[in-house]
PDB file of N, CA and C in Angstrom:
ATOM      1  N   MET A   1      73.586 101.934 103.877  1.00  0.00           N
ATOM      2  CA  MET A   1      75.393 102.163 104.287  1.00  0.00           C
ATOM      3  C   MET A   1      75.830 100.345 104.116  1.00  0.00           C
ATOM      4  N   SER A   2      77.097 100.150 103.302  1.00  0.00           N
ATOM      5  CA  SER A   2      77.683  99.520 103.029  1.00  0.00           C
ATOM      6  C   SER A   2      77.856  99.409 104.597  1.00  0.00           C
ATOM      7  N   LYS A   3      78.198  97.708 103.756  1.00  0.00           N
ATOM      8  CA  LYS A   3      78.258  96.592 104.915  1.00  0.00           C
ATOM      9  C   LYS A   3      80.157  96.254 105.076  1.00  0.00           C
ATOM     10  N   VAL A   4      80.705  96.485 105.876  1.00  0.00           N
ATOM     11  CA  VAL A   4      82.008  96.948 106.447  1.00  0.00           C
ATOM     12  C   VAL A   4      82.141  95.160 106.920  1.00  0.00           C
ATOM     13  N   THR A   5      83.503  94.501 106.590  1.00  0.00           N
ATOM     14  CA  THR A   5      82.866  93.098 107.286  1.00  0.00           C
ATOM     15  C   THR A   5      84.357  93.391 108.400  1.00  0.00           C
ATOM     16  N   TYR A   6      84.960  94.413 108.657  1.00  0.00           N
ATOM     17  CA  TYR A   6      86.348  93.948 109.352  1.00  0.00           C
ATOM     18  C   TYR A   6      86.246  95.489 109.654  1.00  0.00           C
ATOM     19  N   VAL A   7      87.199  96.215 110.731  1.00  0.00           N
ATOM     20  CA  VAL A   7      87.157  97.106 110.885  1.00  0.00           C
ATOM     21  C   VAL A   7      88.547  96.829 112.320  1.00  0.00           C
ATOM     22  N   GLY A   8      89.325  97.444 112.231  1.00  0.00           N
ATOM     23  CA  GLY A   8      91.095  97.728 113.156  1.00  0.00           C
ATOM     24  C   GLY A   8      91.911  98.658 113.309  1.00  0.00           C
ATOM     25  N   ALA A   9      91.803  99.587 114.745  1.00  0.00           N
ATOM     26  CA  ALA A   9      92.547 100.496 114.517  1.00  0.00           C
ATOM     27  C   ALA A   9      93.470 100.169 115.966  1.00  0.00           C
ATOM     28  N   HIS A  10      94.404 101.124 115.310  1.00  0.00           N
ATOM     29  CA  HIS A  10      96.179 100.879 116.310  1.00  0.00           C
ATOM     30  C   HIS A  10      96.485 102.511 116.884  1.00  0.00           C
ATOM     31  N   GLN A  11      96.913 102.720 117.515  1.00  0.00           N
ATOM     32  CA  GLN A  11      97.842 103.973 118.176  1.00  0.00           C
ATOM     33  C   GLN A  11      98.713 103.891 118.959  1.00  0.00           C
ATOM     34  N   ARG A  12      99.751 104.749 118.659  1.00  0.00           N
ATOM     35  CA  ARG A  12     101.610 104.302 119.176  1.00  0.00           C
ATOM     36  C   ARG A  12     101.756 105.722 119.617  1.00  0.00           C
ATOM     37  N   GLY A  13     101.519 106.410 120.363  1.00  0.00           N
ATOM     38  CA  GLY A  13     101.833 107.466 120.872  1.00  0.00           C
ATOM     39  C   GLY A  13     101.110 108.512 119.368  1.00  0.00           C
ATOM     40  N   SER A  14     101.099 109.271 118.922  1.00  0.00           N
ATOM     41  CA  SER A  14     100.448 110.239 118.035  1.00  0.00           C
ATOM     42  C   SER A  14      99.940 109.923 116.560  1.00  0.00           C
ATOM     43  N   HIS A  15     101.433 108.777 116.049  1.00  0.00           N
ATOM     44  CA  HIS A  15     101.405 107.792 115.115  1.00  0.00           C
ATOM     45  C   HIS A  15      99.302 107.140 114.846  1.00  0.00           C
ATOM     46  N   MET A  16      98.537 107.239 114.250  1.00  0.00           N
ATOM     47  CA  MET A  16      97.422 105.876 114.495  1.00  0.00           C
ATOM     48  C   MET A  16      97.040 105.160 113.437  1.00  0.00           C
ATOM     49  N   GLU A  17      96.465 104.081 113.313  1.00  0.00           N
ATOM     50  CA  GLU A  17      95.761 103.891 111.855  1.00  0.00           C
ATOM     51  C   GLU A  17      94.935 103.590 112.082  1.00  0.00           C
ATOM     52  N   VAL A  18      93.900 103.570 110.998  1.00  0.00           N
ATOM     53  CA  VAL A  18      92.573 102.184 111.364  1.00  0.00           C
ATOM     54  C   VAL A  18      92.475 101.977 109.785  1.00  0.00           C
ATOM     55  N   PHE A  19      91.618 101.330 109.686  1.00  0.00           N
ATOM     56  CA  PHE A  19      92.191 100.452 109.017  1.00  0.00           C
ATOM     57  C   PHE A  19      90.429  99.517 108.610  1.00  0.00           C
ATOM     58  N   ALA A  20      89.751  99.377 107.110  1.00  0.00           N
ATOM     59  CA  ALA A  20      88.359  98.862 107.120  1.00  0.00           C
ATOM     60  C   ALA A  20      88.028  98.311 106.002  1.00  0.00           C
ATOM     61  N   ILE A  21      87.561  96.597 105.686  1.00  0.00           N
ATOM     62  CA  ILE A  21      87.639  95.463 104.770  1.00  0.00           C
ATOM     63  C   ILE A  21      85.812  95.750 104.759  1.00  0.00           C
ATOM     64  N   VAL A  22      85.757  96.137 103.209  1.00  0.00           N
ATOM     65  CA  VAL A  22      83.910  96.833 102.871  1.00  0.00           C
ATOM     66  C   VAL A  22      83.539  95.797 101.569  1.00  0.00           C
ATOM     67  N   GLU A  23      82.285  95.547 101.746  1.00  0.00           N
ATOM     68  CA  GLU A  23      81.777  94.997 100.771  1.00  0.00           C
ATOM     69  C   GLU A  23      81.521  96.011  99.855  1.00  0.00           C
ATOM     70  N   SER A  24      81.979  96.056  98.579  1.00  0.00           N
ATOM     71  CA  SER A  24      82.140  96.641  97.576  1.00  0.00           C
ATOM     72  C   SER A  24      82.584  96.126  95.619  1.00  0.00           C
ATOM     73  N   SER A  25      81.772  96.588  95.163  1.00  0.00           N
ATOM     74  CA  SER A  25      82.143  95.810  93.881  1.00  0.00           C
ATOM     75  C   SER A  25      82.971  96.878  93.158  1.00  0.00           C
ATOM     76  N   PHE A  26      83.638  97.201  93.877  1.00  0.00           N
ATOM     77  CA  PHE A  26      84.642  98.583  93.645  1.00  0.00           C
ATOM     78  C   PHE A  26      85.973  98.779  94.079  1.00  0.00           C
ATOM     79  N   ILE A  27      85.996  99.051  95.683  1.00  0.00           N
ATOM     80  CA  ILE A  27      86.966  98.703  96.597  1.00  0.00           C
ATOM     81  C   ILE A  27      87.651  97.433  97.605  1.00  0.00           C
ATOM     82  N   ASP A  28      87.746  97.199  97.462  1.00  0.00           N
ATOM     83  CA  ASP A  28      89.103  96.738  98.412  1.00  0.00           C
ATOM     84  C   ASP A  28      88.312  96.158 100.730  1.00  0.00           C
ATOM     85  N   TYR A  29      89.178  97.560 100.456  1.00  0.00           N
ATOM     86  CA  TYR A  29      89.803  98.211 102.046  1.00  0.00           C
ATOM     87  C   TYR A  29      89.914  99.587 101.852  1.00  0.00           C
ATOM     88  N   LEU A  30      90.360  99.923 102.256  1.00  0.00           N
ATOM     89  CA  LEU A  30      90.173 101.823 102.806  1.00  0.00           C
ATOM     90  C   LEU A  30      91.395 101.255 104.315  1.00  0.00           C
ATOM     91  N   ALA A  31      92.377 101.826 104.303  1.00  0.00           N
ATOM     92  CA  ALA A  31      93.822 102.404 105.573  1.00  0.00           C
ATOM     93  C   ALA A  31      93.519 103.569 106.014  1.00  0.00           C
ATOM     94  N   TRP A  32      93.377 104.318 106.397  1.00  0.00           N
ATOM     95  CA  TRP A  32      93.835 105.743 107.166  1.00  0.00           C
ATOM     96  C   TRP A  32      95.326 105.961 108.334  1.00  0.00           C
ATOM     97  N   PHE A  33      96.723 106.518 108.027  1.00  0.00           N
ATOM     98  CA  PHE A  33      96.926 106.562 108.815  1.00  0.00           C
ATOM     99  C   PHE A  33      97.736 108.054 109.071  1.00  0.00           C
ATOM    100  N   SER A  34      98.077 108.346 110.437  1.00  0.00           N
ATOM    101  CA  SER A  34      98.647 109.507 110.590  1.00  0.00           C
ATOM    102  C   SER A  34     100.332 109.664 110.730  1.00  0.00           C
ATOM    103  N   GLY A  35     101.345 111.068 110.693  1.00  0.00           N
ATOM    104  CA  GLY A  35     102.323 110.486 110.988  1.00  0.00           C
ATOM    105  C   GLY A  35     103.449 109.158 110.416  1.00  0.00           C
ATOM    106  N   ILE A  36     103.178 108.999 109.285  1.00  0.00           N
ATOM    107  CA  ILE A  36     104.181 107.235 109.877  1.00  0.00           C
ATOM    108  C   ILE A  36     105.349 108.350 109.794  1.00  0.00           C
ATOM    109  N   GLY A  37     106.509 107.184 110.202  1.00  0.00           N
ATOM    110  CA  GLY A  37     107.602 107.639 110.108  1.00  0.00           C
ATOM    111  C   GLY A  37     108.048 108.964 110.291  1.00  0.00           C
ATOM    112  N   ASP A  38     108.948 110.015 110.347  1.00  0.00           N
ATOM    113  CA  ASP A  38     109.425 111.077 110.713  1.00  0.00           C
ATOM    114  C   ASP A  38     107.752 112.255 110.116  1.00  0.00           C
ATOM    115  N   SER A  39     106.902 111.705 109.442  1.00  0.00           N
ATOM    116  CA  SER A  39     105.850 111.967 108.496  1.00  0.00           C
ATOM    117  C   SER A  39     104.963 111.964 109.926  1.00  0.00           C
ATOM    118  N   VAL A  40     104.019 113.790 109.160  1.00  0.00           N
ATOM    119  CA  VAL A  40     103.277 114.559 110.348  1.00  0.00           C
ATOM    120  C   VAL A  40     101.798 113.900 109.115  1.00  0.00           C
ATOM    121  N   ARG A  41     101.758 114.216 108.006  1.00  0.00           N
ATOM    122  CA  ARG A  41     100.994 114.508 106.802  1.00  0.00           C
ATOM    123  C   ARG A  41     100.166 112.621 107.109  1.00  0.00           C
ATOM    124  N   SER A  42      98.637 112.812 106.753  1.00  0.00           N
ATOM    125  CA  SER A  42      98.477 111.684 106.721  1.00  0.00           C
ATOM    126  C   SER A  42      98.211 110.922 105.721  1.00  0.00           C
ATOM    127  N   THR A  43      97.895 109.589 105.546  1.00  0.00           N
ATOM    128  CA  THR A  43      98.007 108.703 103.840  1.00  0.00           C
ATOM    129  C   THR A  43      96.322 107.971 104.334  1.00  0.00           C
ATOM    130  N   LEU A  44      95.400 107.783 102.748  1.00  0.00           N
ATOM    131  CA  LEU A  44      95.138 107.726 102.734  1.00  0.00           C
ATOM    132  C   LEU A  44      94.879 106.346 101.625  1.00  0.00           C
ATOM    133  N   ILE A  45      95.275 104.941 102.456  1.00  0.00           N
ATOM    134  CA  ILE A  45      95.032 103.734 100.746  1.00  0.00           C
ATOM    135  C   ILE A  45      93.995 103.731 100.846  1.00  0.00           C
ATOM    136  N   VAL A  46      94.183 102.948  99.578  1.00  0.00           N
ATOM    137  CA  VAL A  46      92.443 102.319  98.882  1.00  0.00           C
ATOM    138  C   VAL A  46      93.113 101.259  98.145  1.00  0.00           C
ATOM    139  N   LYS A  47      92.476 100.364  98.407  1.00  0.00           N
ATOM    140  CA  LYS A  47      93.035  99.505  98.004  1.00  0.00           C
ATOM    141  C   LYS A  47      91.549  98.746  96.363  1.00  0.00           C
ATOM    142  N   MET A  48      92.255  99.202  95.520  1.00  0.00           N
ATOM    143  CA  MET A  48      90.445  98.562  94.078  1.00  0.00           C
ATOM    144  C   MET A  48      90.303  96.864  94.291  1.00  0.00           C
ATOM    145  N   SER A  49      89.172  97.033  93.754  1.00  0.00           N
ATOM    146  CA  SER A  49      89.136  95.062  93.803  1.00  0.00           C
ATOM    147  C   SER A  49      89.711  94.477  92.022  1.00  0.00           C
ATOM    148  N   ASN A  50      90.462  95.671  91.496  1.00  0.00           N
ATOM    149  CA  ASN A  50      91.367  95.192  90.349  1.00  0.00           C
ATOM    150  C   ASN A  50      92.204  95.055  90.691  1.00  0.00           C
ATOM    151  N   GLY A  51      92.936  95.461  92.060  1.00  0.00           N
ATOM    152  CA  GLY A  51      94.133  95.213  92.242  1.00  0.00           C
ATOM    153  C   GLY A  51      95.117  96.032  92.624  1.00  0.00           C
ATOM    154  N   ALA A  52      94.633  97.091  92.013  1.00  0.00           N
ATOM    155  CA  ALA A  52      94.995  98.570  92.091  1.00  0.00           C
ATOM    156  C   ALA A  52      94.864  98.745  93.784  1.00  0.00           C
ATOM    157  N   GLN A  53      96.212  99.991  93.562  1.00  0.00           N
ATOM    158  CA  GLN A  53      96.392  99.544  95.552  1.00  0.00           C
ATOM    159  C   GLN A  53      96.879 101.796  94.937  1.00  0.00           C
ATOM    160  N   TYR A  54      96.228 102.588  95.704  1.00  0.00           N
ATOM    161  CA  TYR A  54      96.530 103.904  95.969  1.00  0.00           C
ATOM    162  C   TYR A  54      96.771 104.858  96.905  1.00  0.00           C
ATOM    163  N   ALA A  55      97.289 105.621  97.203  1.00  0.00           N
ATOM    164  CA  ALA A  55      98.303 106.437  98.233  1.00  0.00           C
ATOM    165  C   ALA A  55      97.566 107.684  98.237  1.00  0.00           C
ATOM    166  N   TYR A  56      96.557 108.396  98.436  1.00  0.00           N
ATOM    167  CA  TYR A  56      96.023 109.662  98.810  1.00  0.00           C
ATOM    168  C   TYR A  56      96.720 110.687 100.074  1.00  0.00           C
ATOM    169  N   ASN A  57      97.361 111.123  99.738  1.00  0.00           N
ATOM    170  CA  ASN A  57      98.027 112.690 101.237  1.00  0.00           C
ATOM    171  C   ASN A  57      97.340 113.435 101.474  1.00  0.00           C
ATOM    172  N   ASP A  58      97.098 113.716 103.039  1.00  0.00           N
ATOM    173  CA  ASP A  58      96.510 114.613 103.537  1.00  0.00           C
ATOM    174  C   ASP A  58      94.879 114.339 103.833  1.00  0.00           C
ATOM    175  N   VAL A  59      94.600 113.197 103.660  1.00  0.00           N
ATOM    176  CA  VAL A  59      93.574 113.590 103.485  1.00  0.00           C
ATOM    177  C   VAL A  59      92.737 113.146 105.028  1.00  0.00           C
ATOM    178  N   PRO A  60      91.891 113.804 105.647  1.00  0.00           N
ATOM    179  CA  PRO A  60      91.568 113.961 106.932  1.00  0.00           C
ATOM    180  C   PRO A  60      91.221 112.513 107.388  1.00  0.00           C
ATOM    181  N   LEU A  61      90.500 112.579 108.393  1.00  0.00           N
ATOM    182  CA  LEU A  61      89.750 110.650 109.059  1.00  0.00           C
ATOM    183  C   LEU A  61      88.698 110.853 108.696  1.00  0.00           C
ATOM    184  N   ASP A  62      88.248 112.251 109.120  1.00  0.00           N
ATOM    185  CA  ASP A  62      86.069 112.684 108.552  1.00  0.00           C
ATOM    186  C   ASP A  62      85.717 111.472 107.129  1.00  0.00           C
ATOM    187  N   VAL A  63      87.581 112.123 106.146  1.00  0.00           N
ATOM    188  CA  VAL A  63      87.141 111.269 105.034  1.00  0.00           C
ATOM    189  C   VAL A  63      86.901 110.022 104.858  1.00  0.00           C
ATOM    190  N   TRP A  64      88.099 109.420 105.340  1.00  0.00           N
ATOM    191  CA  TRP A  64      87.700 108.315 105.479  1.00  0.00           C
ATOM    192  C   TRP A  64      86.116 107.383 106.164  1.00  0.00           C
ATOM    193  N   SER A  65      86.447 107.954 107.222  1.00  0.00           N
ATOM    194  CA  SER A  65      84.619 107.886 108.099  1.00  0.00           C
ATOM    195  C   SER A  65      83.590 108.364 107.208  1.00  0.00           C
ATOM    196  N   LYS A  66      84.142 109.031 106.225  1.00  0.00           N
ATOM    197  CA  LYS A  66      82.324 109.265 105.332  1.00  0.00           C
ATOM    198  C   LYS A  66      82.721 108.014 103.718  1.00  0.00           C
ATOM    199  N   VAL A  67      83.761 107.759 103.531  1.00  0.00           N
ATOM    200  CA  VAL A  67      83.498 107.276 103.024  1.00  0.00           C
ATOM    201  C   VAL A  67      83.270 105.322 103.094  1.00  0.00           C
ATOM    202  N   VAL A  68      83.909 105.478 104.701  1.00  0.00           N
ATOM    203  CA  VAL A  68      83.549 103.959 105.161  1.00  0.00           C
ATOM    204  C   VAL A  68      82.294 103.176 105.012  1.00  0.00           C
ATOM    205  N   ASN A  69      81.117 104.628 105.820  1.00  0.00           N
ATOM    206  CA  ASN A  69      80.010 104.543 106.541  1.00  0.00           C
ATOM    207  C   ASN A  69      78.796 104.873 105.291  1.00  0.00           C
ATOM    208  N   ALA A  70      79.055 105.056 104.045  1.00  0.00           N
ATOM    209  CA  ALA A  70      78.672 105.463 103.306  1.00  0.00           C
ATOM    210  C   ALA A  70      77.371 104.248 101.988  1.00  0.00           C
ATOM    211  N   GLN A  71      76.376 105.464 102.110  1.00  0.00           N
ATOM    212  CA  GLN A  71      75.344 103.713 101.475  1.00  0.00           C
ATOM    213  C   GLN A  71      76.736 102.991 100.583  1.00  0.00           C
ATOM    214  N   SER A  72      77.311 104.107  99.785  1.00  0.00           N
ATOM    215  CA  SER A  72      77.881 103.171  98.712  1.00  0.00           C
ATOM    216  C   SER A  72      78.972 103.342  98.924  1.00  0.00           C
ATOM    217  N   VAL A  73      80.340 103.020  98.294  1.00  0.00           N
ATOM    218  CA  VAL A  73      81.950 103.358  99.261  1.00  0.00           C
ATOM    219  C   VAL A  73      82.308 103.577  98.142  1.00  0.00           C
ATOM    220  N   GLY A  74      82.405 103.330  96.571  1.00  0.00           N
ATOM    221  CA  GLY A  74      82.320 103.285  95.401  1.00  0.00           C
ATOM    222  C   GLY A  74      81.853 105.068  94.916  1.00  0.00           C
ATOM    223  N   SER A  75      80.959 105.315  95.536  1.00  0.00           N
ATOM    224  CA  SER A  75      80.583 106.697  95.375  1.00  0.00           C
ATOM    225  C   SER A  75      80.984 107.352  96.081  1.00  0.00           C
ATOM    226  N   ALA A  76      80.525 107.404  97.294  1.00  0.00           N
ATOM    227  CA  ALA A  76      81.432 108.007  98.042  1.00  0.00           C
ATOM    228  C   ALA A  76      82.774 108.344  97.843  1.00  0.00           C
ATOM    229  N   TYR A  77      83.909 107.681  97.105  1.00  0.00           N
ATOM    230  CA  TYR A  77      85.137 107.322  97.443  1.00  0.00           C
ATOM    231  C   TYR A  77      85.282 108.030  95.568  1.00  0.00           C
ATOM    232  N   ASN A  78      84.820 108.621  94.602  1.00  0.00           N
ATOM    233  CA  ASN A  78      84.340 109.148  93.981  1.00  0.00           C
ATOM    234  C   ASN A  78      83.735 110.593  94.118  1.00  0.00           C
ATOM    235  N   GLU A  79      83.237 110.616  95.614  1.00  0.00           N
ATOM    236  CA  GLU A  79      82.660 112.447  95.983  1.00  0.00           C
ATOM    237  C   GLU A  79      83.754 112.654  96.957  1.00  0.00           C
ATOM    238  N   TYR A  80      84.589 112.354  97.472  1.00  0.00           N
ATOM    239  CA  TYR A  80      85.628 112.132  99.338  1.00  0.00           C
ATOM    240  C   TYR A  80      86.651 112.358  98.338  1.00  0.00           C
ATOM    241  N   VAL A  81      86.994 111.499  97.598  1.00  0.00           N
ATOM    242  CA  VAL A  81      88.548 111.046  97.228  1.00  0.00           C
ATOM    243  C   VAL A  81      89.426 111.993  96.187  1.00  0.00           C
ATOM    244  N   LYS A  82      89.040 110.745  95.302  1.00  0.00           N
ATOM    245  CA  LYS A  82      88.918 110.767  94.221  1.00  0.00           C
ATOM    246  C   LYS A  82      89.513 112.442  92.611  1.00  0.00           C
ATOM    247  N   ASP A  83      90.361 112.374  93.126  1.00  0.00           N
ATOM    248  CA  ASP A  83      90.087 114.110  92.200  1.00  0.00           C
ATOM    249  C   ASP A  83      90.658 114.715  93.325  1.00  0.00           C
ATOM    250  N   LEU A  84      90.431 114.525  94.012  1.00  0.00           N
ATOM    251  CA  LEU A  84      90.833 116.121  95.263  1.00  0.00           C
ATOM    252  C   LEU A  84      91.926 115.902  95.988  1.00  0.00           C
ATOM    253  N   TYR A  85      92.607 114.963  96.140  1.00  0.00           N
ATOM    254  CA  TYR A  85      93.619 114.777  97.040  1.00  0.00           C
ATOM    255  C   TYR A  85      94.779 114.367  96.322  1.00  0.00           C
ATOM    256  N   GLU A  86      96.123 114.571  96.393  1.00  0.00           N
ATOM    257  CA  GLU A  86      97.234 113.924  95.955  1.00  0.00           C
ATOM    258  C   GLU A  86      97.266 112.859  95.532  1.00  0.00           C
ATOM    259  N   VAL A  87      97.837 112.339  94.644  1.00  0.00           N
ATOM    260  CA  VAL A  87      98.082 110.881  94.552  1.00  0.00           C
ATOM    261  C   VAL A  87      98.990 110.041  94.102  1.00  0.00           C
ATOM    262  N   GLU A  88      99.056 108.942  94.810  1.00  0.00           N
ATOM    263  CA  GLU A  88     100.605 108.128  94.017  1.00  0.00           C
ATOM    264  C   GLU A  88      99.791 106.601  93.627  1.00  0.00           C
ATOM    265  N   ARG A  89      99.940 106.240  92.848  1.00  0.00           N
ATOM    266  CA  ARG A  89      99.603 104.577  92.378  1.00  0.00           C
ATOM    267  C   ARG A  89     100.428 103.501  93.135  1.00  0.00           C
ATOM    268  N   THR A  90     100.471 102.997  94.401  1.00  0.00           N
ATOM    269  CA  THR A  90     101.460 101.529  94.769  1.00  0.00           C
ATOM    270  C   THR A  90     101.200 100.462  94.800  1.00  0.00           C
ATOM    271  N   MET A  91     100.300 100.303  93.565  1.00  0.00           N
ATOM    272  CA  MET A  91     100.096  99.246  92.918  1.00  0.00           C
ATOM    273  C   MET A  91      99.240  99.150  91.911  1.00  0.00           C
ATOM    274  N   GLU A  92      99.966  98.264  90.665  1.00  0.00           N
ATOM    275  CA  GLU A  92      99.236  98.052  89.439  1.00  0.00           C
ATOM    276  C   GLU A  92      98.040  97.118  89.321  1.00  0.00           C
ATOM    277  N   PRO A  93      97.015  97.145  88.326  1.00  0.00           N
ATOM    278  CA  PRO A  93      96.515  95.903  88.598  1.00  0.00           C
ATOM    279  C   PRO A  93      96.307  95.391  88.611  1.00  0.00           C
ATOM    280  N   ALA A  94      95.708  93.899  88.424  1.00  0.00           N
ATOM    281  CA  ALA A  94      95.935  92.946  88.299  1.00  0.00           C
ATOM    282  C   ALA A  94      96.265  92.474  86.951  1.00  0.00           C
ATOM    283  N   LYS A  95      97.069  91.576  85.922  1.00  0.00           N
ATOM    284  CA  LYS A  95      96.547  91.302  84.844  1.00  0.00           C
ATOM    285  C   LYS A  95      95.546  90.286  84.582  1.00  0.00           C
ATOM    286  N   SER A  96      94.507  90.529  84.277  1.00  0.00           N
ATOM    287  CA  SER A  96      94.487  89.316  83.618  1.00  0.00           C
ATOM    288  C   SER A  96      94.552  88.787  82.943  1.00  0.00           C
ATOM    289  N   GLU A  97      94.046  86.870  83.371  1.00  0.00           N
ATOM    290  CA  GLU A  97      94.881  85.721  81.869  1.00  0.00           C
ATOM    291  C   GLU A  97      93.795  85.532  81.387  1.00  0.00           C
ATOM    292  N   ASN A  98      93.684  85.401  79.984  1.00  0.00           N
ATOM    293  CA  ASN A  98      93.278  84.392  79.270  1.00  0.00           C
ATOM    294  C   ASN A  98      93.017  83.458  79.202  1.00  0.00           C
ATOM    295  N   VAL A  99      92.342  82.150  79.565  1.00  0.00           N
ATOM    296  CA  VAL A  99      92.471  81.003  79.727  1.00  0.00           C
ATOM    297  C   VAL A  99      92.012  79.784  79.278  1.00  0.00           C
ATOM    298  N   PHE A 100      92.089  80.633  77.570  1.00  0.00           N
ATOM    299  CA  PHE A 100      90.910  80.230  76.335  1.00  0.00           C
ATOM    300  C   PHE A 100      92.275  80.164  74.821  1.00  0.00           C
ATOM    301  N   ALA A 101      93.142  81.211  75.434  1.00  0.00           N
ATOM    302  CA  ALA A 101      94.149  81.869  74.418  1.00  0.00           C
ATOM    303  C   ALA A 101      94.448  80.498  73.930  1.00  0.00           C
TER     304      ALA A 101
END
């Protein structure tokens, strides 16, 4: 099982949020939200180690749980999330700076 360094959850009415910081060379954290604003949709936010962040639409909570609790978070993300849901990149990867240039 992957090591989860922090898990948080919050519920307000029909809106729910869960969050996990994981030890992974590929993913920093995963957050799942339901019913943001006037929406009844769920959204999975995945923050990559390279700084990129993606928002996946209509991902069930049990998928978040499968990824967070997997032996390999990166492999589970590839199996259960990547290329399976509508996605939008919400943050670009960090640009590396060559300090020797």
